[in-house]
Amino acid sequence: MAIYGALIIFSMYPLLPDKPPVDELQNFVSDMFMGPMVKLGKIFNLNRSFDIVAYKQNIQ
């Protein structure tokens, strides 16, 4: 979702009436979509295959 959400937001940028700075949008997208992954990364080491398998099992 993080990749597609960012693509949607940045593709709609020309339609925004106030044209906020791109840096502001980057922070918004990062906080919105990457925040849960950062929190999860504090609990699990997402680079280890065992933790990824445990994460996938909890989702299902």
C-alpha atoms as a PDB file:
ATOM      1  CA  MET A   1       0.000   0.000   0.000  1.00  0.00           C
ATOM      2  CA  ALA A   2       2.821   2.408   0.769  1.00  0.00           C
ATOM      3  CA  ILE A   3       4.084   2.485  -2.794  1.00  0.00           C
ATOM      4  CA  TYR A   4       0.669   2.815  -4.409  1.00  0.00           C
ATOM      5  CA  GLY A   5      -0.548   5.389  -1.910  1.00  0.00           C
ATOM      6  CA  ALA A   6       2.426   7.603  -2.640  1.00  0.00           C
ATOM      7  CA  LEU A   7       1.895   7.210  -6.380  1.00  0.00           C
ATOM      8  CA  ILE A   8      -1.736   8.251  -6.050  1.00  0.00           C
ATOM      9  CA  ILE A   9      -0.918  11.303  -3.963  1.00  0.00           C
ATOM     10  CA  PHE A  10       1.896  12.503  -6.209  1.00  0.00           C
ATOM     11  CA  SER A  11      -0.046  11.801  -9.403  1.00  0.00           C
ATOM     12  CA  MET A  12      -2.856  14.002  -8.122  1.00  0.00           C
ATOM     13  CA  TYR A  13      -0.461  16.844  -7.273  1.00  0.00           C
ATOM     14  CA  PRO A  14      -1.405  18.939 -10.350  1.00  0.00           C
ATOM     15  CA  LEU A  15      -5.036  18.892  -9.183  1.00  0.00           C
ATOM     16  CA  LEU A  16      -4.270  20.411  -5.766  1.00  0.00           C
ATOM     17  CA  PRO A  17      -5.429  24.028  -5.664  1.00  0.00           C
ATOM     18  CA  ASP A  18      -2.804  25.369  -3.247  1.00  0.00           C
ATOM     19  CA  LYS A  19       0.248  23.445  -4.589  1.00  0.00           C
ATOM     20  CA  PRO A  20       1.958  22.628  -1.265  1.00  0.00           C
ATOM     21  CA  PRO A  21       5.725  22.103  -1.310  1.00  0.00           C
ATOM     22  CA  VAL A  22       6.768  18.622  -2.412  1.00  0.00           C
ATOM     23  CA  ASP A  23       8.828  18.219   0.781  1.00  0.00           C
ATOM     24  CA  GLU A  24       5.655  18.665   2.802  1.00  0.00           C
ATOM     25  CA  LEU A  25       3.882  16.007   0.747  1.00  0.00           C
ATOM     26  CA  GLN A  26       6.815  13.626   1.134  1.00  0.00           C
ATOM     27  CA  ASN A  27       6.627  13.953   4.909  1.00  0.00           C
ATOM     28  CA  PHE A  28       2.853  13.429   4.804  1.00  0.00           C
ATOM     29  CA  VAL A  29       3.164  10.285   2.671  1.00  0.00           C
ATOM     30  CA  SER A  30       6.002   8.946   4.798  1.00  0.00           C
ATOM     31  CA  ASP A  31       4.088   9.484   8.036  1.00  0.00           C
ATOM     32  CA  MET A  32       0.865   8.074   6.648  1.00  0.00           C
ATOM     33  CA  PHE A  33       2.120   4.912   4.985  1.00  0.00           C
ATOM     34  CA  MET A  34       5.487   4.158   6.536  1.00  0.00           C
ATOM     35  CA  GLY A  35       4.587   4.914  10.159  1.00  0.00           C
ATOM     36  CA  PRO A  36       3.107   1.451  10.834  1.00  0.00           C
ATOM     37  CA  MET A  37       6.139  -0.221   9.256  1.00  0.00           C
ATOM     38  CA  VAL A  38       8.512   1.785  11.455  1.00  0.00           C
ATOM     39  CA  LYS A  39       6.535   0.742  14.545  1.00  0.00           C
ATOM     40  CA  LEU A  40       6.549  -2.878  13.407  1.00  0.00           C
ATOM     41  CA  GLY A  41      10.290  -2.678  12.743  1.00  0.00           C
ATOM     42  CA  LYS A  42      10.846  -1.771  16.397  1.00  0.00           C
ATOM     43  CA  ILE A  43       9.236  -5.082  17.419  1.00  0.00           C
ATOM     44  CA  PHE A  44      10.440  -7.375  14.635  1.00  0.00           C
ATOM     45  CA  ASN A  45      13.611  -7.436  12.593  1.00  0.00           C
ATOM     46  CA  LEU A  46      11.981  -7.221   9.176  1.00  0.00           C
ATOM     47  CA  ASN A  47      15.202  -8.340   7.502  1.00  0.00           C
ATOM     48  CA  ARG A  48      15.051 -11.816   9.072  1.00  0.00           C
ATOM     49  CA  SER A  49      12.988 -14.392   7.215  1.00  0.00           C
ATOM     50  CA  PHE A  50      11.580 -15.887  10.459  1.00  0.00           C
ATOM     51  CA  ASP A  51      10.110 -12.536  11.507  1.00  0.00           C
ATOM     52  CA  ILE A  52       8.621 -11.979   8.062  1.00  0.00           C
ATOM     53  CA  VAL A  53       6.947 -15.403   8.174  1.00  0.00           C
ATOM     54  CA  ALA A  54       5.572 -14.662  11.676  1.00  0.00           C
ATOM     55  CA  TYR A  55       4.290 -11.298  10.467  1.00  0.00           C
ATOM     56  CA  LYS A  56       2.540 -12.853   7.451  1.00  0.00           C
ATOM     57  CA  GLN A  57       0.925 -15.512   9.661  1.00  0.00           C
ATOM     58  CA  ASN A  58      -0.447 -12.850  12.007  1.00  0.00           C
ATOM     59  CA  ILE A  59      -1.997 -10.941   9.116  1.00  0.00           C
ATOM     60  CA  GLN A  60      -3.928 -13.955   7.826  1.00  0.00           C
END
